[in-house]
Amino acid sequence: MNMLLLADQAADYPFNHYAALGILLLMAVGFGVANVALTTFLGPSRKGEVKGTTYESGMNPIGSARRRFNVRFYIVAMTFLLFDVEIVFLYPWAATFPSLGGDAGSELSPLFIGRMLFFVLTTAIAFVYAWRKGVFRYD
């Protein structure tokens, strides 16, 4: 009986609902600070001319930074983002689709399947178009 009274009293304070969020934020900040502090104190600290040079993607930074890149790199990146966004939209749809009507004869089921097939097929057609145009070839 006393536990019920304590739970009712705790529900009266609005900040108790944010306790879990506060603990999570404290853990995230503490993890970040601990990692930086531990690598500073325990990590290697050799300094030198080679160690202090700029390192960029495994290549020595020689020449101008204004080098031109092939547009295919950007198109591949955009295609990757397109499929990522598609997966983000597919997940909630797949989670709610089974609860539309409960039975196979629901009138909403074909409508929802048709919309999702249109969405997926549009993306697949764009991918095939890019493939046939040679966007994914790095010659």
C-alpha atoms as a PDB file:
ATOM      1  CA  MET A   1       0.000   0.000   0.000  1.00  0.00           C
ATOM      2  CA  ASN A   2       2.846   2.391   0.799  1.00  0.00           C
ATOM      3  CA  MET A   3       4.376   1.719  -2.632  1.00  0.00           C
ATOM      4  CA  LEU A   4       1.170   2.917  -4.301  1.00  0.00           C
ATOM      5  CA  LEU A   5       1.249   6.128  -2.322  1.00  0.00           C
ATOM      6  CA  LEU A   6       4.874   6.723  -3.270  1.00  0.00           C
ATOM      7  CA  ALA A   7       4.111   6.112  -6.942  1.00  0.00           C
ATOM      8  CA  ASP A   8       1.181   8.558  -6.817  1.00  0.00           C
ATOM      9  CA  GLN A   9       3.327  11.175  -5.113  1.00  0.00           C
ATOM     10  CA  ALA A  10       6.110  10.704  -7.660  1.00  0.00           C
ATOM     11  CA  ALA A  11       3.633  11.176 -10.510  1.00  0.00           C
ATOM     12  CA  ASP A  12       2.698  14.580  -9.083  1.00  0.00           C
ATOM     13  CA  TYR A  13       6.183  15.958  -9.777  1.00  0.00           C
ATOM     14  CA  PRO A  14       6.556  16.681 -13.513  1.00  0.00           C
ATOM     15  CA  PHE A  15      10.363  16.470 -13.516  1.00  0.00           C
ATOM     16  CA  ASN A  16      10.382  12.797 -12.542  1.00  0.00           C
ATOM     17  CA  HIS A  17       9.333  11.945 -16.099  1.00  0.00           C
ATOM     18  CA  TYR A  18      12.588  13.423 -17.388  1.00  0.00           C
ATOM     19  CA  ALA A  19      14.866  11.517 -15.032  1.00  0.00           C
ATOM     20  CA  ALA A  20      15.663   8.800 -17.587  1.00  0.00           C
ATOM     21  CA  LEU A  21      16.450  11.416 -20.227  1.00  0.00           C
ATOM     22  CA  GLY A  22      18.709  13.262 -17.808  1.00  0.00           C
ATOM     23  CA  ILE A  23      20.574  10.078 -16.909  1.00  0.00           C
ATOM     24  CA  LEU A  24      21.012   9.257 -20.610  1.00  0.00           C
ATOM     25  CA  LEU A  25      22.395  12.730 -21.337  1.00  0.00           C
ATOM     26  CA  LEU A  26      24.769  12.528 -18.378  1.00  0.00           C
ATOM     27  CA  MET A  27      26.011   9.141 -19.586  1.00  0.00           C
ATOM     28  CA  ALA A  28      26.565  10.466 -23.133  1.00  0.00           C
ATOM     29  CA  VAL A  29      28.471  13.543 -21.974  1.00  0.00           C
ATOM     30  CA  GLY A  30      30.431  11.516 -19.439  1.00  0.00           C
ATOM     31  CA  PHE A  31      31.401   8.955 -22.101  1.00  0.00           C
ATOM     32  CA  GLY A  32      32.654  11.690 -24.429  1.00  0.00           C
ATOM     33  CA  VAL A  33      34.623  13.499 -21.748  1.00  0.00           C
ATOM     34  CA  ALA A  34      36.088  10.237 -20.423  1.00  0.00           C
ATOM     35  CA  ASN A  35      37.268   9.184 -23.884  1.00  0.00           C
ATOM     36  CA  VAL A  36      38.974  12.507 -24.572  1.00  0.00           C
ATOM     37  CA  ALA A  37      40.580  12.583 -21.126  1.00  0.00           C
ATOM     38  CA  LEU A  38      41.788   8.984 -21.264  1.00  0.00           C
ATOM     39  CA  THR A  39      43.315   9.328 -24.734  1.00  0.00           C
ATOM     40  CA  THR A  40      45.053  12.519 -23.646  1.00  0.00           C
ATOM     41  CA  PHE A  41      46.575  10.938 -20.558  1.00  0.00           C
ATOM     42  CA  LEU A  42      47.089   7.323 -21.649  1.00  0.00           C
ATOM     43  CA  GLY A  43      47.586   7.585 -25.404  1.00  0.00           C
ATOM     44  CA  PRO A  44      50.894   7.951 -27.212  1.00  0.00           C
ATOM     45  CA  SER A  45      52.163  11.503 -27.439  1.00  0.00           C
ATOM     46  CA  ARG A  46      55.121  11.371 -29.802  1.00  0.00           C
ATOM     47  CA  LYS A  47      55.596  14.500 -31.833  1.00  0.00           C
ATOM     48  CA  GLY A  48      57.563  14.938 -34.987  1.00  0.00           C
ATOM     49  CA  GLU A  49      57.649  16.413 -38.469  1.00  0.00           C
ATOM     50  CA  VAL A  50      56.010  13.422 -40.150  1.00  0.00           C
ATOM     51  CA  LYS A  51      53.439  12.973 -37.401  1.00  0.00           C
ATOM     52  CA  GLY A  52      52.415  16.631 -37.606  1.00  0.00           C
ATOM     53  CA  THR A  53      51.754  16.699 -41.362  1.00  0.00           C
ATOM     54  CA  THR A  54      48.247  16.783 -42.767  1.00  0.00           C
ATOM     55  CA  TYR A  55      46.770  13.392 -43.588  1.00  0.00           C
ATOM     56  CA  GLU A  56      43.848  13.176 -45.967  1.00  0.00           C
ATOM     57  CA  SER A  57      42.292   9.862 -47.011  1.00  0.00           C
ATOM     58  CA  GLY A  58      45.564   8.022 -47.405  1.00  0.00           C
ATOM     59  CA  MET A  59      47.021  10.498 -49.913  1.00  0.00           C
ATOM     60  CA  ASN A  60      49.736  13.041 -49.369  1.00  0.00           C
ATOM     61  CA  PRO A  61      48.288  16.553 -49.688  1.00  0.00           C
ATOM     62  CA  ILE A  62      50.363  17.694 -52.669  1.00  0.00           C
ATOM     63  CA  GLY A  63      49.040  20.257 -55.096  1.00  0.00           C
ATOM     64  CA  SER A  64      45.942  22.398 -55.133  1.00  0.00           C
ATOM     65  CA  ALA A  65      42.868  21.681 -53.068  1.00  0.00           C
ATOM     66  CA  ARG A  66      40.731  22.850 -55.989  1.00  0.00           C
ATOM     67  CA  ARG A  67      41.021  19.573 -57.884  1.00  0.00           C
ATOM     68  CA  ARG A  68      38.068  18.521 -60.042  1.00  0.00           C
ATOM     69  CA  PHE A  69      36.227  15.308 -59.276  1.00  0.00           C
ATOM     70  CA  ASN A  70      34.141  13.273 -61.651  1.00  0.00           C
ATOM     71  CA  VAL A  71      30.429  13.912 -61.262  1.00  0.00           C
ATOM     72  CA  ARG A  72      29.867  10.162 -60.933  1.00  0.00           C
ATOM     73  CA  PHE A  73      31.105  10.270 -57.348  1.00  0.00           C
ATOM     74  CA  TYR A  74      28.320  12.674 -56.444  1.00  0.00           C
ATOM     75  CA  ILE A  75      25.693  10.704 -58.344  1.00  0.00           C
ATOM     76  CA  VAL A  76      26.651   7.516 -56.521  1.00  0.00           C
ATOM     77  CA  ALA A  77      26.423   9.388 -53.216  1.00  0.00           C
ATOM     78  CA  MET A  78      22.977  10.721 -54.112  1.00  0.00           C
ATOM     79  CA  THR A  79      21.842   7.239 -55.141  1.00  0.00           C
ATOM     80  CA  PHE A  80      23.026   5.893 -51.802  1.00  0.00           C
ATOM     81  CA  LEU A  81      21.090   8.615 -49.976  1.00  0.00           C
ATOM     82  CA  LEU A  82      18.012   7.891 -52.066  1.00  0.00           C
ATOM     83  CA  PHE A  83      18.008   4.247 -51.029  1.00  0.00           C
ATOM     84  CA  ASP A  84      18.640   5.191 -47.400  1.00  0.00           C
ATOM     85  CA  VAL A  85      15.634   7.502 -47.410  1.00  0.00           C
ATOM     86  CA  GLU A  86      13.576   4.801 -49.076  1.00  0.00           C
ATOM     87  CA  ILE A  87      14.415   2.374 -46.290  1.00  0.00           C
ATOM     88  CA  VAL A  88      13.447   5.008 -43.723  1.00  0.00           C
ATOM     89  CA  PHE A  89      10.029   5.292 -45.389  1.00  0.00           C
ATOM     90  CA  LEU A  90       9.619   1.529 -45.831  1.00  0.00           C
ATOM     91  CA  TYR A  91      10.118   0.664 -42.174  1.00  0.00           C
ATOM     92  CA  PRO A  92       7.072   2.465 -40.698  1.00  0.00           C
ATOM     93  CA  TRP A  93       4.942   1.241 -43.585  1.00  0.00           C
ATOM     94  CA  ALA A  94       5.993  -2.365 -42.968  1.00  0.00           C
ATOM     95  CA  ALA A  95       5.349  -1.974 -39.245  1.00  0.00           C
ATOM     96  CA  THR A  96       1.790  -0.657 -39.710  1.00  0.00           C
ATOM     97  CA  PHE A  97       0.717  -2.699 -42.735  1.00  0.00           C
ATOM     98  CA  PRO A  98      -0.207  -5.901 -40.838  1.00  0.00           C
ATOM     99  CA  SER A  99      -2.593  -3.985 -38.582  1.00  0.00           C
ATOM    100  CA  LEU A 100      -4.586  -2.314 -41.388  1.00  0.00           C
ATOM    101  CA  GLY A 101      -7.526  -4.635 -41.523  1.00  0.00           C
ATOM    102  CA  GLY A 102      -6.567  -7.779 -39.742  1.00  0.00           C
ATOM    103  CA  ASP A 103      -7.806  -9.950 -42.587  1.00  0.00           C
ATOM    104  CA  ALA A 104      -6.729 -10.341 -46.190  1.00  0.00           C
ATOM    105  CA  GLY A 105      -9.995  -8.897 -47.464  1.00  0.00           C
ATOM    106  CA  SER A 106      -9.398  -5.399 -46.104  1.00  0.00           C
ATOM    107  CA  GLU A 107     -10.131  -2.641 -48.606  1.00  0.00           C
ATOM    108  CA  LEU A 108      -7.126  -0.575 -47.471  1.00  0.00           C
ATOM    109  CA  SER A 109      -4.573  -3.329 -48.104  1.00  0.00           C
ATOM    110  CA  PRO A 110      -4.488  -3.103 -51.940  1.00  0.00           C
ATOM    111  CA  LEU A 111      -4.322   0.689 -51.783  1.00  0.00           C
ATOM    112  CA  PHE A 112      -1.346   0.643 -49.412  1.00  0.00           C
ATOM    113  CA  ILE A 113       0.422  -2.095 -51.375  1.00  0.00           C
ATOM    114  CA  GLY A 114      -0.128  -0.161 -54.606  1.00  0.00           C
ATOM    115  CA  ARG A 115       1.325   3.022 -53.180  1.00  0.00           C
ATOM    116  CA  MET A 116       4.381   1.256 -51.828  1.00  0.00           C
ATOM    117  CA  LEU A 117       4.935  -0.678 -55.060  1.00  0.00           C
ATOM    118  CA  PHE A 118       4.781   2.617 -56.959  1.00  0.00           C
ATOM    119  CA  PHE A 119       7.356   4.106 -54.597  1.00  0.00           C
ATOM    120  CA  VAL A 120       9.711   1.122 -54.837  1.00  0.00           C
ATOM    121  CA  LEU A 121       9.320   0.718 -58.602  1.00  0.00           C
ATOM    122  CA  THR A 122      10.004   4.413 -59.207  1.00  0.00           C
ATOM    123  CA  THR A 123      13.252   4.081 -57.304  1.00  0.00           C
ATOM    124  CA  ALA A 124      14.157   0.835 -59.080  1.00  0.00           C
ATOM    125  CA  ILE A 125      13.510   2.425 -62.489  1.00  0.00           C
ATOM    126  CA  ALA A 126      15.763   5.363 -61.576  1.00  0.00           C
ATOM    127  CA  PHE A 127      18.483   2.930 -60.475  1.00  0.00           C
ATOM    128  CA  VAL A 128      18.247   0.933 -63.723  1.00  0.00           C
ATOM    129  CA  TYR A 129      18.351   4.169 -65.724  1.00  0.00           C
ATOM    130  CA  ALA A 130      21.509   5.279 -63.916  1.00  0.00           C
ATOM    131  CA  TRP A 131      23.044   1.833 -64.380  1.00  0.00           C
ATOM    132  CA  ARG A 132      22.378   1.832 -68.130  1.00  0.00           C
ATOM    133  CA  LYS A 133      23.763   5.345 -68.500  1.00  0.00           C
ATOM    134  CA  GLY A 134      27.034   4.083 -67.012  1.00  0.00           C
ATOM    135  CA  VAL A 135      26.959   6.146 -63.843  1.00  0.00           C
ATOM    136  CA  PHE A 136      28.406   3.329 -61.746  1.00  0.00           C
ATOM    137  CA  ARG A 137      31.417   2.676 -64.007  1.00  0.00           C
ATOM    138  CA  TYR A 138      34.712   4.181 -62.908  1.00  0.00           C
ATOM    139  CA  ASP A 139      36.901   4.060 -65.990  1.00  0.00           C
END
